[in-house]
């Protein structure tokens, strides 16, 4: 029971932390050094909205877990964590090096927002897996 509460609080905290990460910039670059018409290397609005939806769902699952005192709802945060971490890993691995090749003088680098979102996604995935294991042990 206490383990479920701790996991739920960890999931809720990770979801709120990810929300903070969404508000932060995800790339540092010099806009004046990007070629005309080049896309900004920062995480775009569509991906931010996808992450926001996943984080809101994770927060709702954590609240549901706290109210029901069961680990089953929290186990689904594994999926939201994988979604957020997957978006950020793809962004970091593909987008940033691609932008740097497009305009090397822009010196594109990931910033705090990218790392906070990635950490939030990984924590949510780990929390969901731990909740799933706790639910399985409880049966």
C-alpha atoms as a PDB file:
ATOM      1  CA  UNK A   1       0.000   0.000   0.000  1.00  0.00           C
ATOM      2  CA  UNK A   2       2.718   2.500   0.986  1.00  0.00           C
ATOM      3  CA  UNK A   3       4.751   1.438  -2.036  1.00  0.00           C
ATOM      4  CA  UNK A   4       1.826   2.260  -4.317  1.00  0.00           C
ATOM      5  CA  UNK A   5       1.544   5.734  -2.786  1.00  0.00           C
ATOM      6  CA  UNK A   6       5.263   6.374  -3.232  1.00  0.00           C
ATOM      7  CA  UNK A   7       5.124   5.216  -6.849  1.00  0.00           C
ATOM      8  CA  UNK A   8       2.056   7.352  -7.502  1.00  0.00           C
ATOM      9  CA  UNK A   9       3.751  10.421  -6.022  1.00  0.00           C
ATOM     10  CA  UNK A  10       6.865   9.705  -8.107  1.00  0.00           C
ATOM     11  CA  UNK A  11       4.719   9.445 -11.238  1.00  0.00           C
ATOM     12  CA  UNK A  12       2.825  12.641 -10.468  1.00  0.00           C
ATOM     13  CA  UNK A  13       6.065  14.497  -9.757  1.00  0.00           C
ATOM     14  CA  UNK A  14       7.624  13.244 -12.992  1.00  0.00           C
ATOM     15  CA  UNK A  15       4.550  14.351 -14.962  1.00  0.00           C
ATOM     16  CA  UNK A  16       4.626  17.833 -13.414  1.00  0.00           C
ATOM     17  CA  UNK A  17       8.396  18.020 -13.994  1.00  0.00           C
ATOM     18  CA  UNK A  18       7.823  17.110 -17.630  1.00  0.00           C
ATOM     19  CA  UNK A  19       5.291  19.919 -17.863  1.00  0.00           C
ATOM     20  CA  UNK A  20       7.959  22.307 -16.635  1.00  0.00           C
ATOM     21  CA  UNK A  21      10.306  20.852 -19.252  1.00  0.00           C
ATOM     22  CA  UNK A  22       7.739  21.644 -21.949  1.00  0.00           C
ATOM     23  CA  UNK A  23       7.883  25.308 -20.985  1.00  0.00           C
ATOM     24  CA  UNK A  24      11.674  25.420 -21.285  1.00  0.00           C
ATOM     25  CA  UNK A  25      13.503  25.744 -24.607  1.00  0.00           C
ATOM     26  CA  UNK A  26      14.894  22.452 -25.909  1.00  0.00           C
ATOM     27  CA  UNK A  27      17.685  23.768 -28.120  1.00  0.00           C
ATOM     28  CA  UNK A  28      20.258  26.523 -27.911  1.00  0.00           C
ATOM     29  CA  UNK A  29      21.182  28.050 -31.250  1.00  0.00           C
ATOM     30  CA  UNK A  30      21.906  31.359 -32.900  1.00  0.00           C
ATOM     31  CA  UNK A  31      18.866  32.180 -35.074  1.00  0.00           C
ATOM     32  CA  UNK A  32      20.878  34.674 -37.093  1.00  0.00           C
ATOM     33  CA  UNK A  33      23.196  31.852 -38.207  1.00  0.00           C
ATOM     34  CA  UNK A  34      20.440  29.611 -39.594  1.00  0.00           C
ATOM     35  CA  UNK A  35      19.907  29.787 -43.363  1.00  0.00           C
ATOM     36  CA  UNK A  36      16.753  31.602 -44.515  1.00  0.00           C
ATOM     37  CA  UNK A  37      13.745  29.283 -44.489  1.00  0.00           C
ATOM     38  CA  UNK A  38      15.373  26.689 -42.226  1.00  0.00           C
ATOM     39  CA  UNK A  39      13.140  25.156 -39.586  1.00  0.00           C
ATOM     40  CA  UNK A  40      13.899  26.045 -35.994  1.00  0.00           C
ATOM     41  CA  UNK A  41      15.811  23.238 -34.281  1.00  0.00           C
ATOM     42  CA  UNK A  42      13.683  23.641 -31.120  1.00  0.00           C
ATOM     43  CA  UNK A  43      11.047  20.965 -30.399  1.00  0.00           C
ATOM     44  CA  UNK A  44       8.034  21.896 -32.536  1.00  0.00           C
ATOM     45  CA  UNK A  45       4.505  22.556 -31.321  1.00  0.00           C
ATOM     46  CA  UNK A  46       3.039  19.237 -32.478  1.00  0.00           C
ATOM     47  CA  UNK A  47       5.588  17.206 -30.527  1.00  0.00           C
ATOM     48  CA  UNK A  48       5.154  19.464 -27.494  1.00  0.00           C
ATOM     49  CA  UNK A  49       1.388  18.865 -27.616  1.00  0.00           C
ATOM     50  CA  UNK A  50       1.907  15.096 -27.898  1.00  0.00           C
ATOM     51  CA  UNK A  51       4.200  15.202 -24.861  1.00  0.00           C
ATOM     52  CA  UNK A  52       1.721  17.413 -22.978  1.00  0.00           C
ATOM     53  CA  UNK A  53      -1.088  14.928 -23.636  1.00  0.00           C
ATOM     54  CA  UNK A  54       1.017  11.998 -22.469  1.00  0.00           C
ATOM     55  CA  UNK A  55       2.106  13.876 -19.341  1.00  0.00           C
ATOM     56  CA  UNK A  56      -1.497  14.867 -18.529  1.00  0.00           C
ATOM     57  CA  UNK A  57      -2.554  11.230 -18.871  1.00  0.00           C
ATOM     58  CA  UNK A  58       0.307  10.127 -16.612  1.00  0.00           C
ATOM     59  CA  UNK A  59      -0.712  12.684 -13.992  1.00  0.00           C
ATOM     60  CA  UNK A  60      -4.342  11.532 -14.155  1.00  0.00           C
ATOM     61  CA  UNK A  61      -3.246   7.898 -13.737  1.00  0.00           C
ATOM     62  CA  UNK A  62      -1.152   8.844 -10.709  1.00  0.00           C
ATOM     63  CA  UNK A  63      -4.115  10.635  -9.120  1.00  0.00           C
ATOM     64  CA  UNK A  64      -6.353   7.645  -9.877  1.00  0.00           C
ATOM     65  CA  UNK A  65      -3.811   5.368  -8.225  1.00  0.00           C
ATOM     66  CA  UNK A  66      -3.774   7.553  -5.106  1.00  0.00           C
ATOM     67  CA  UNK A  67      -7.576   7.511  -4.915  1.00  0.00           C
ATOM     68  CA  UNK A  68      -8.048   3.787  -5.554  1.00  0.00           C
ATOM     69  CA  UNK A  69      -5.027   2.600  -3.546  1.00  0.00           C
ATOM     70  CA  UNK A  70      -4.196   0.143  -6.343  1.00  0.00           C
ATOM     71  CA  UNK A  71      -1.142  -0.018  -8.574  1.00  0.00           C
ATOM     72  CA  UNK A  72      -2.926  -1.110 -11.758  1.00  0.00           C
ATOM     73  CA  UNK A  73      -3.748   2.361 -13.136  1.00  0.00           C
ATOM     74  CA  UNK A  74      -0.201   3.563 -12.532  1.00  0.00           C
ATOM     75  CA  UNK A  75       1.169   0.653 -14.573  1.00  0.00           C
ATOM     76  CA  UNK A  76      -0.149   2.403 -17.693  1.00  0.00           C
ATOM     77  CA  UNK A  77       2.288   5.272 -17.163  1.00  0.00           C
ATOM     78  CA  UNK A  78       4.831   2.956 -18.763  1.00  0.00           C
ATOM     79  CA  UNK A  79       3.203   3.737 -22.103  1.00  0.00           C
ATOM     80  CA  UNK A  80       3.156   7.483 -21.529  1.00  0.00           C
ATOM     81  CA  UNK A  81       6.783   7.398 -20.385  1.00  0.00           C
ATOM     82  CA  UNK A  82       7.820   5.453 -23.465  1.00  0.00           C
ATOM     83  CA  UNK A  83       5.966   7.969 -25.667  1.00  0.00           C
ATOM     84  CA  UNK A  84       7.647  11.004 -24.076  1.00  0.00           C
ATOM     85  CA  UNK A  85      11.100   9.390 -23.938  1.00  0.00           C
ATOM     86  CA  UNK A  86      10.733   8.151 -27.532  1.00  0.00           C
ATOM     87  CA  UNK A  87       9.814  11.595 -28.826  1.00  0.00           C
ATOM     88  CA  UNK A  88      12.760  13.175 -27.022  1.00  0.00           C
ATOM     89  CA  UNK A  89      15.260  10.492 -28.007  1.00  0.00           C
ATOM     90  CA  UNK A  90      14.254  10.825 -31.646  1.00  0.00           C
ATOM     91  CA  UNK A  91      14.508  14.597 -31.325  1.00  0.00           C
ATOM     92  CA  UNK A  92      17.962  14.458 -29.732  1.00  0.00           C
ATOM     93  CA  UNK A  93      19.392  11.765 -32.012  1.00  0.00           C
ATOM     94  CA  UNK A  94      17.986  12.872 -35.364  1.00  0.00           C
ATOM     95  CA  UNK A  95      16.914  16.516 -35.245  1.00  0.00           C
ATOM     96  CA  UNK A  96      19.814  18.176 -33.452  1.00  0.00           C
ATOM     97  CA  UNK A  97      22.678  16.642 -35.450  1.00  0.00           C
ATOM     98  CA  UNK A  98      20.687  17.289 -38.647  1.00  0.00           C
ATOM     99  CA  UNK A  99      20.239  20.953 -37.747  1.00  0.00           C
ATOM    100  CA  UNK A 100      23.918  21.244 -36.918  1.00  0.00           C
ATOM    101  CA  UNK A 101      24.870  19.871 -40.359  1.00  0.00           C
ATOM    102  CA  UNK A 102      22.428  22.294 -41.981  1.00  0.00           C
ATOM    103  CA  UNK A 103      24.006  25.306 -40.311  1.00  0.00           C
ATOM    104  CA  UNK A 104      27.200  24.456 -38.393  1.00  0.00           C
ATOM    105  CA  UNK A 105      27.722  28.083 -37.435  1.00  0.00           C
ATOM    106  CA  UNK A 106      24.409  28.065 -35.519  1.00  0.00           C
ATOM    107  CA  UNK A 107      26.034  25.754 -32.918  1.00  0.00           C
ATOM    108  CA  UNK A 108      22.820  23.839 -32.163  1.00  0.00           C
ATOM    109  CA  UNK A 109      22.893  22.167 -28.725  1.00  0.00           C
ATOM    110  CA  UNK A 110      20.210  20.614 -26.508  1.00  0.00           C
ATOM    111  CA  UNK A 111      19.246  22.627 -23.435  1.00  0.00           C
ATOM    112  CA  UNK A 112      17.524  21.961 -20.120  1.00  0.00           C
ATOM    113  CA  UNK A 113      14.040  21.452 -21.583  1.00  0.00           C
ATOM    114  CA  UNK A 114      15.160  18.471 -23.658  1.00  0.00           C
ATOM    115  CA  UNK A 115      16.941  16.814 -20.748  1.00  0.00           C
ATOM    116  CA  UNK A 116      14.064  17.434 -18.294  1.00  0.00           C
ATOM    117  CA  UNK A 117      11.543  15.930 -20.718  1.00  0.00           C
ATOM    118  CA  UNK A 118      13.758  12.934 -21.417  1.00  0.00           C
ATOM    119  CA  UNK A 119      14.294  12.316 -17.692  1.00  0.00           C
ATOM    120  CA  UNK A 120      10.560  12.693 -17.046  1.00  0.00           C
ATOM    121  CA  UNK A 121       9.740  10.113 -19.711  1.00  0.00           C
ATOM    122  CA  UNK A 122      12.288   7.651 -18.352  1.00  0.00           C
ATOM    123  CA  UNK A 123      11.035   8.103 -14.768  1.00  0.00           C
ATOM    124  CA  UNK A 124       7.430   7.589 -15.893  1.00  0.00           C
ATOM    125  CA  UNK A 125       8.366   4.404 -17.749  1.00  0.00           C
ATOM    126  CA  UNK A 126      10.291   3.080 -14.730  1.00  0.00           C
ATOM    127  CA  UNK A 127       7.458   4.029 -12.363  1.00  0.00           C
ATOM    128  CA  UNK A 128       4.921   2.250 -14.538  1.00  0.00           C
ATOM    129  CA  UNK A 129       7.060  -0.878 -14.713  1.00  0.00           C
ATOM    130  CA  UNK A 130       7.527  -0.861 -10.933  1.00  0.00           C
ATOM    131  CA  UNK A 131       3.755  -0.427 -10.440  1.00  0.00           C
ATOM    132  CA  UNK A 132       3.065  -3.286 -12.845  1.00  0.00           C
ATOM    133  CA  UNK A 133       5.470  -5.503 -10.908  1.00  0.00           C
ATOM    134  CA  UNK A 134       3.801  -4.494  -7.616  1.00  0.00           C
ATOM    135  CA  UNK A 135       0.363  -5.258  -9.046  1.00  0.00           C
ATOM    136  CA  UNK A 136       1.576  -8.636 -10.280  1.00  0.00           C
ATOM    137  CA  UNK A 137       3.077  -9.488  -6.861  1.00  0.00           C
ATOM    138  CA  UNK A 138      -0.162  -8.489  -5.164  1.00  0.00           C
ATOM    139  CA  UNK A 139      -2.215 -11.076  -7.075  1.00  0.00           C
END
